[in-house]
C-alpha atoms as a PDB file:
ATOM      1  CA  MET A   1     -93.162  25.539  55.763  1.00  0.00           C
ATOM      2  CA  THR A   2     -90.691  24.034  58.099  1.00  0.00           C
ATOM      3  CA  THR A   3     -88.077  26.291  59.352  1.00  0.00           C
ATOM      4  CA  SER A   4     -84.788  25.592  60.924  1.00  0.00           C
ATOM      5  CA  ASN A   5     -83.720  25.650  64.391  1.00  0.00           C
ATOM      6  CA  LYS A   6     -80.537  27.513  64.503  1.00  0.00           C
ATOM      7  CA  LEU A   7     -80.436  30.663  63.178  1.00  0.00           C
ATOM      8  CA  ILE A   8     -78.081  31.812  60.484  1.00  0.00           C
ATOM      9  CA  THR A   9     -76.873  34.665  58.375  1.00  0.00           C
ATOM     10  CA  ALA A  10     -77.582  35.179  54.581  1.00  0.00           C
ATOM     11  CA  ASP A  11     -74.143  35.000  53.337  1.00  0.00           C
ATOM     12  CA  GLU A  12     -74.762  30.997  55.316  1.00  0.00           C
ATOM     13  CA  LEU A  13     -77.473  30.469  53.443  1.00  0.00           C
ATOM     14  CA  LEU A  14     -75.734  32.343  49.951  1.00  0.00           C
ATOM     15  CA  LYS A  15     -73.144  29.900  50.782  1.00  0.00           C
ATOM     16  CA  MET A  16     -75.259  26.777  50.860  1.00  0.00           C
ATOM     17  CA  GLY A  17     -75.983  27.276  47.364  1.00  0.00           C
ATOM     18  CA  ASP A  18     -78.918  25.118  46.172  1.00  0.00           C
ATOM     19  CA  ILE A  19     -80.690  23.773  48.679  1.00  0.00           C
ATOM     20  CA  GLY A  20     -84.410  24.583  47.571  1.00  0.00           C
ATOM     21  CA  ARG A  21     -86.660  26.780  47.902  1.00  0.00           C
ATOM     22  CA  CYS A  22     -86.492  28.513  51.144  1.00  0.00           C
ATOM     23  CA  GLU A  23     -87.228  32.638  52.753  1.00  0.00           C
ATOM     24  CA  LEU A  24     -84.568  33.498  55.409  1.00  0.00           C
ATOM     25  CA  ILE A  25     -86.609  35.158  58.078  1.00  0.00           C
ATOM     26  CA  TYR A  26     -84.746  36.787  60.963  1.00  0.00           C
ATOM     27  CA  GLY A  27     -81.953  34.665  60.951  1.00  0.00           C
ATOM     28  CA  GLU A  28     -84.050  31.355  60.368  1.00  0.00           C
ATOM     29  CA  LEU A  29     -84.671  29.671  57.518  1.00  0.00           C
ATOM     30  CA  VAL A  30     -88.779  28.664  56.072  1.00  0.00           C
ATOM     31  CA  MET A  31     -88.541  25.575  53.354  1.00  0.00           C
ATOM     32  CA  MET A  32     -91.107  25.999  51.219  1.00  0.00           C
ATOM     33  CA  SER A  33     -92.451  23.385  48.654  1.00  0.00           C
ATOM     34  CA  PRO A  34     -91.836  23.680  44.480  1.00  0.00           C
ATOM     35  CA  ALA A  35     -94.882  26.237  43.167  1.00  0.00           C
ATOM     36  CA  GLY A  36     -97.406  24.974  41.452  1.00  0.00           C
ATOM     37  CA  ALA A  37     -97.972  24.244  36.627  1.00  0.00           C
ATOM     38  CA  GLU A  38    -100.979  27.746  37.110  1.00  0.00           C
ATOM     39  CA  HIS A  39     -98.700  29.522  40.123  1.00  0.00           C
ATOM     40  CA  GLY A  40     -95.284  29.266  37.693  1.00  0.00           C
ATOM     41  CA  MET A  41     -97.800  30.454  35.469  1.00  0.00           C
ATOM     42  CA  VAL A  42     -99.075  34.205  36.579  1.00  0.00           C
ATOM     43  CA  VAL A  43     -95.091  34.415  37.497  1.00  0.00           C
ATOM     44  CA  ALA A  44     -93.510  33.758  34.215  1.00  0.00           C
ATOM     45  CA  ARG A  45     -95.884  36.193  33.015  1.00  0.00           C
ATOM     46  CA  PHE A  46     -95.707  38.769  35.373  1.00  0.00           C
ATOM     47  CA  ASN A  47     -92.074  38.269  34.964  1.00  0.00           C
ATOM     48  CA  ARG A  48     -91.738  38.436  31.350  1.00  0.00           C
ATOM     49  CA  TYR A  49     -94.940  41.779  31.463  1.00  0.00           C
ATOM     50  CA  LEU A  50     -92.256  43.444  33.355  1.00  0.00           C
ATOM     51  CA  SER A  51     -88.990  42.973  32.389  1.00  0.00           C
ATOM     52  CA  GLU A  52     -90.035  43.431  28.048  1.00  0.00           C
ATOM     53  CA  PHE A  53     -91.636  47.319  29.730  1.00  0.00           C
ATOM     54  CA  VAL A  54     -88.469  47.604  32.274  1.00  0.00           C
ATOM     55  CA  GLU A  55     -85.862  46.938  30.057  1.00  0.00           C
ATOM     56  CA  GLU A  56     -87.376  48.571  26.650  1.00  0.00           C
ATOM     57  CA  ARG A  57     -87.240  52.301  28.538  1.00  0.00           C
ATOM     58  CA  LYS A  58     -84.149  51.384  30.268  1.00  0.00           C
ATOM     59  CA  LEU A  59     -85.424  51.927  34.061  1.00  0.00           C
ATOM     60  CA  GLY A  60     -83.288  49.425  35.764  1.00  0.00           C
ATOM     61  CA  PHE A  61     -83.617  45.830  36.458  1.00  0.00           C
ATOM     62  CA  ALA A  62     -86.385  43.559  35.960  1.00  0.00           C
ATOM     63  CA  PHE A  63     -85.373  39.791  38.021  1.00  0.00           C
ATOM     64  CA  GLY A  64     -87.181  36.276  37.911  1.00  0.00           C
ATOM     65  CA  ALA A  65     -88.627  34.400  41.001  1.00  0.00           C
ATOM     66  CA  GLU A  66     -86.626  33.817  44.348  1.00  0.00           C
ATOM     67  CA  THR A  67     -83.887  36.536  43.984  1.00  0.00           C
ATOM     68  CA  GLY A  68     -83.176  36.726  47.264  1.00  0.00           C
ATOM     69  CA  PHE A  69     -83.699  40.873  48.457  1.00  0.00           C
ATOM     70  CA  LYS A  70     -81.810  40.924  52.110  1.00  0.00           C
ATOM     71  CA  LEU A  71     -84.248  43.224  53.974  1.00  0.00           C
ATOM     72  CA  SER A  72     -82.154  43.574  57.850  1.00  0.00           C
ATOM     73  CA  SER A  73     -79.451  42.592  59.059  1.00  0.00           C
ATOM     74  CA  ASP A  74     -78.833  40.703  63.263  1.00  0.00           C
ATOM     75  CA  PRO A  75     -80.084  38.532  62.735  1.00  0.00           C
ATOM     76  CA  ASP A  76     -80.635  38.495  58.925  1.00  0.00           C
ATOM     77  CA  THR A  77     -83.972  38.388  56.527  1.00  0.00           C
ATOM     78  CA  VAL A  78     -84.181  37.343  52.817  1.00  0.00           C
ATOM     79  CA  ARG A  79     -87.431  37.058  50.552  1.00  0.00           C
ATOM     80  CA  GLY A  80     -87.872  35.813  46.533  1.00  0.00           C
ATOM     81  CA  PRO A  81     -90.661  37.521  45.369  1.00  0.00           C
ATOM     82  CA  ASP A  82     -91.932  36.241  42.426  1.00  0.00           C
ATOM     83  CA  ALA A  83     -91.155  38.393  40.602  1.00  0.00           C
ATOM     84  CA  SER A  84     -89.495  41.954  40.952  1.00  0.00           C
ATOM     85  CA  TYR A  85     -88.256  45.465  39.579  1.00  0.00           C
ATOM     86  CA  VAL A  86     -85.323  48.306  41.338  1.00  0.00           C
ATOM     87  CA  ARG A  87     -85.026  50.855  39.559  1.00  0.00           C
ATOM     88  CA  ARG A  88     -81.988  51.779  37.608  1.00  0.00           C
ATOM     89  CA  GLN A  89     -80.499  54.628  40.580  1.00  0.00           C
ATOM     90  CA  ARG A  90     -80.234  52.165  43.256  1.00  0.00           C
ATOM     91  CA  VAL A  91     -78.003  49.947  41.910  1.00  0.00           C
ATOM     92  CA  LYS A  92     -74.306  51.325  42.445  1.00  0.00           C
ATOM     93  CA  GLY A  93     -71.867  50.097  39.842  1.00  0.00           C
ATOM     94  CA  LYS A  94     -72.783  46.542  38.565  1.00  0.00           C
ATOM     95  CA  LEU A  95     -75.788  44.075  39.764  1.00  0.00           C
ATOM     96  CA  THR A  96     -73.692  41.436  42.279  1.00  0.00           C
ATOM     97  CA  LYS A  97     -73.837  37.306  43.602  1.00  0.00           C
ATOM     98  CA  LYS A  98     -74.672  38.757  46.664  1.00  0.00           C
ATOM     99  CA  PHE A  99     -78.496  38.580  47.734  1.00  0.00           C
ATOM    100  CA  PHE A 100     -79.887  42.308  47.059  1.00  0.00           C
ATOM    101  CA  ASP A 101     -78.778  44.922  49.606  1.00  0.00           C
ATOM    102  CA  GLY A 102     -82.786  45.981  50.619  1.00  0.00           C
ATOM    103  CA  ALA A 103     -86.413  45.322  48.910  1.00  0.00           C
ATOM    104  CA  PRO A 104     -87.110  46.064  45.727  1.00  0.00           C
ATOM    105  CA  ASP A 105     -88.679  49.596  44.611  1.00  0.00           C
ATOM    106  CA  LEU A 106     -91.512  46.338  43.201  1.00  0.00           C
ATOM    107  CA  ALA A 107     -92.828  43.434  44.937  1.00  0.00           C
ATOM    108  CA  VAL A 108     -95.029  40.697  42.881  1.00  0.00           C
ATOM    109  CA  GLU A 109     -96.371  37.940  44.995  1.00  0.00           C
ATOM    110  CA  VAL A 110     -99.195  35.541  43.131  1.00  0.00           C
ATOM    111  CA  MET A 111    -100.755  32.401  45.717  1.00  0.00           C
ATOM    112  CA  SER A 112    -100.145  29.683  45.308  1.00  0.00           C
ATOM    113  CA  PRO A 113    -103.043  27.586  47.650  1.00  0.00           C
ATOM    114  CA  ASP A 114    -101.537  26.219  51.194  1.00  0.00           C
ATOM    115  CA  ASP A 115    -100.784  30.567  51.414  1.00  0.00           C
ATOM    116  CA  THR A 116    -103.186  31.711  54.633  1.00  0.00           C
ATOM    117  CA  LYS A 117    -104.135  34.994  54.913  1.00  0.00           C
ATOM    118  CA  ARG A 118    -102.062  36.101  57.409  1.00  0.00           C
ATOM    119  CA  GLU A 119     -98.819  34.794  55.386  1.00  0.00           C
ATOM    120  CA  VAL A 120    -100.140  36.758  52.027  1.00  0.00           C
ATOM    121  CA  ALA A 121    -100.913  39.791  55.072  1.00  0.00           C
ATOM    122  CA  ASP A 122     -97.249  39.498  56.638  1.00  0.00           C
ATOM    123  CA  THR A 123     -95.839  38.850  52.835  1.00  0.00           C
ATOM    124  CA  LYS A 124     -97.035  41.741  51.819  1.00  0.00           C
ATOM    125  CA  ASN A 125     -95.982  43.740  55.487  1.00  0.00           C
ATOM    126  CA  ALA A 126     -92.705  43.160  55.847  1.00  0.00           C
ATOM    127  CA  TRP A 127     -91.722  44.701  52.243  1.00  0.00           C
ATOM    128  CA  LEU A 128     -93.362  47.713  52.910  1.00  0.00           C
ATOM    129  CA  ALA A 129     -91.724  48.129  55.441  1.00  0.00           C
ATOM    130  CA  HIS A 130     -88.386  47.446  54.701  1.00  0.00           C
ATOM    131  CA  GLY A 131     -89.152  49.881  51.478  1.00  0.00           C
ATOM    132  CA  ALA A 132     -90.668  48.226  48.764  1.00  0.00           C
ATOM    133  CA  THR A 133     -92.983  50.754  47.317  1.00  0.00           C
ATOM    134  CA  SER A 134     -95.163  48.826  46.033  1.00  0.00           C
ATOM    135  CA  VAL A 135     -96.355  45.438  46.225  1.00  0.00           C
ATOM    136  CA  TRP A 136     -98.504  43.353  44.263  1.00  0.00           C
ATOM    137  CA  ILE A 137     -99.960  40.281  44.988  1.00  0.00           C
ATOM    138  CA  ALA A 138    -101.447  38.254  42.193  1.00  0.00           C
ATOM    139  CA  ASP A 139    -104.616  35.254  43.356  1.00  0.00           C
ATOM    140  CA  PRO A 140    -104.777  32.695  40.323  1.00  0.00           C
ATOM    141  CA  ASP A 141    -108.359  31.949  42.365  1.00  0.00           C
ATOM    142  CA  THR A 142    -110.168  35.251  41.750  1.00  0.00           C
ATOM    143  CA  GLN A 143    -107.940  36.087  39.169  1.00  0.00           C
ATOM    144  CA  THR A 144    -107.383  39.582  40.778  1.00  0.00           C
ATOM    145  CA  VAL A 145    -104.472  41.475  41.007  1.00  0.00           C
ATOM    146  CA  VAL A 146    -104.481  43.550  44.124  1.00  0.00           C
ATOM    147  CA  VAL A 147    -102.365  46.283  44.470  1.00  0.00           C
ATOM    148  CA  HIS A 148    -100.668  48.024  48.443  1.00  0.00           C
ATOM    149  CA  HIS A 149     -99.292  50.376  49.154  1.00  0.00           C
ATOM    150  CA  SER A 150     -97.885  52.528  52.139  1.00  0.00           C
ATOM    151  CA  GLY A 151    -100.912  53.297  54.203  1.00  0.00           C
ATOM    152  CA  GLU A 152    -103.141  53.377  51.701  1.00  0.00           C
ATOM    153  CA  LYS A 153    -106.060  52.186  50.680  1.00  0.00           C
ATOM    154  CA  PRO A 154    -105.455  48.424  47.784  1.00  0.00           C
ATOM    155  CA  ALA A 155    -106.843  48.768  44.663  1.00  0.00           C
ATOM    156  CA  VAL A 156    -108.010  46.105  43.155  1.00  0.00           C
ATOM    157  CA  PHE A 157    -107.575  44.881  39.189  1.00  0.00           C
ATOM    158  CA  SER A 158    -109.477  41.928  37.714  1.00  0.00           C
ATOM    159  CA  ARG A 159    -110.362  40.385  34.739  1.00  0.00           C
ATOM    160  CA  GLY A 160    -111.664  42.899  32.468  1.00  0.00           C
ATOM    161  CA  GLU A 161    -109.901  45.663  33.321  1.00  0.00           C
ATOM    162  CA  LYS A 162    -106.104  46.875  33.272  1.00  0.00           C
ATOM    163  CA  LEU A 163    -103.457  46.776  35.688  1.00  0.00           C
ATOM    164  CA  THR A 164    -101.976  50.355  36.448  1.00  0.00           C
ATOM    165  CA  ASP A 165     -99.236  51.099  39.468  1.00  0.00           C
ATOM    166  CA  GLU A 166     -97.542  54.781  38.426  1.00  0.00           C
ATOM    167  CA  ARG A 167     -96.064  55.327  41.616  1.00  0.00           C
ATOM    168  CA  VAL A 168     -93.671  52.172  40.439  1.00  0.00           C
ATOM    169  CA  LEU A 169     -94.182  52.005  36.807  1.00  0.00           C
ATOM    170  CA  PRO A 170     -95.676  55.102  35.289  1.00  0.00           C
ATOM    171  CA  GLY A 171     -96.656  54.418  31.995  1.00  0.00           C
ATOM    172  CA  PHE A 172     -97.437  50.726  32.669  1.00  0.00           C
ATOM    173  CA  THR A 173    -100.851  48.696  32.331  1.00  0.00           C
ATOM    174  CA  LEU A 174    -101.980  45.126  31.090  1.00  0.00           C
ATOM    175  CA  GLU A 175    -104.272  43.883  30.870  1.00  0.00           C
ATOM    176  CA  VAL A 176    -105.221  42.108  33.304  1.00  0.00           C
ATOM    177  CA  ASP A 177    -106.627  38.414  31.100  1.00  0.00           C
ATOM    178  CA  ARG A 178    -103.414  38.823  29.529  1.00  0.00           C
ATOM    179  CA  ILE A 179    -101.875  37.599  33.251  1.00  0.00           C
ATOM    180  CA  PHE A 180    -104.855  34.792  33.545  1.00  0.00           C
ATOM    181  CA  LYS A 181    -105.723  33.449  30.215  1.00  0.00           C
ATOM    182  CA  TRP A 182    -105.071  29.733  29.258  1.00  0.00           C
ATOM    183  CA  PRO A 183    -102.757  30.014  26.096  1.00  0.00           C
END
């Protein structure tokens, strides 16, 4: 990851167009390298299963990887989870071309080989501090999904178990094996 020295705003970032994978952390542009194949497969599966569940039940909106969520202003923070969900009640009118204002109800992050424990904890804490109900951290190395809620002990789901999160997606179940298995 590399950062720039000049503080920029969310609107300036949006006007830059496709500059590659990045996030805006308290006004600093943080560039990220492209994800690897395993990471991409896991992300695609989360997006598929979340989208199907949310759309079939008309619960709201599931968003794909790198959708920008504006978490704070002055200086601006815009982060992009690997998958996310926002309840229908939180969307006023139609979706805009701008970054979504606020955190998603659910942010899913898939760990990359170069992620440090500190970076993952910082990302999870940022989502929760800015209003996410749940943060799921998927680790392809351990083949686990850890579900986090503010002020609670995390729940760990492993292969052979079913991922659930009644707080954010009542009735949703997903076999962890379906996330990590090779075709």
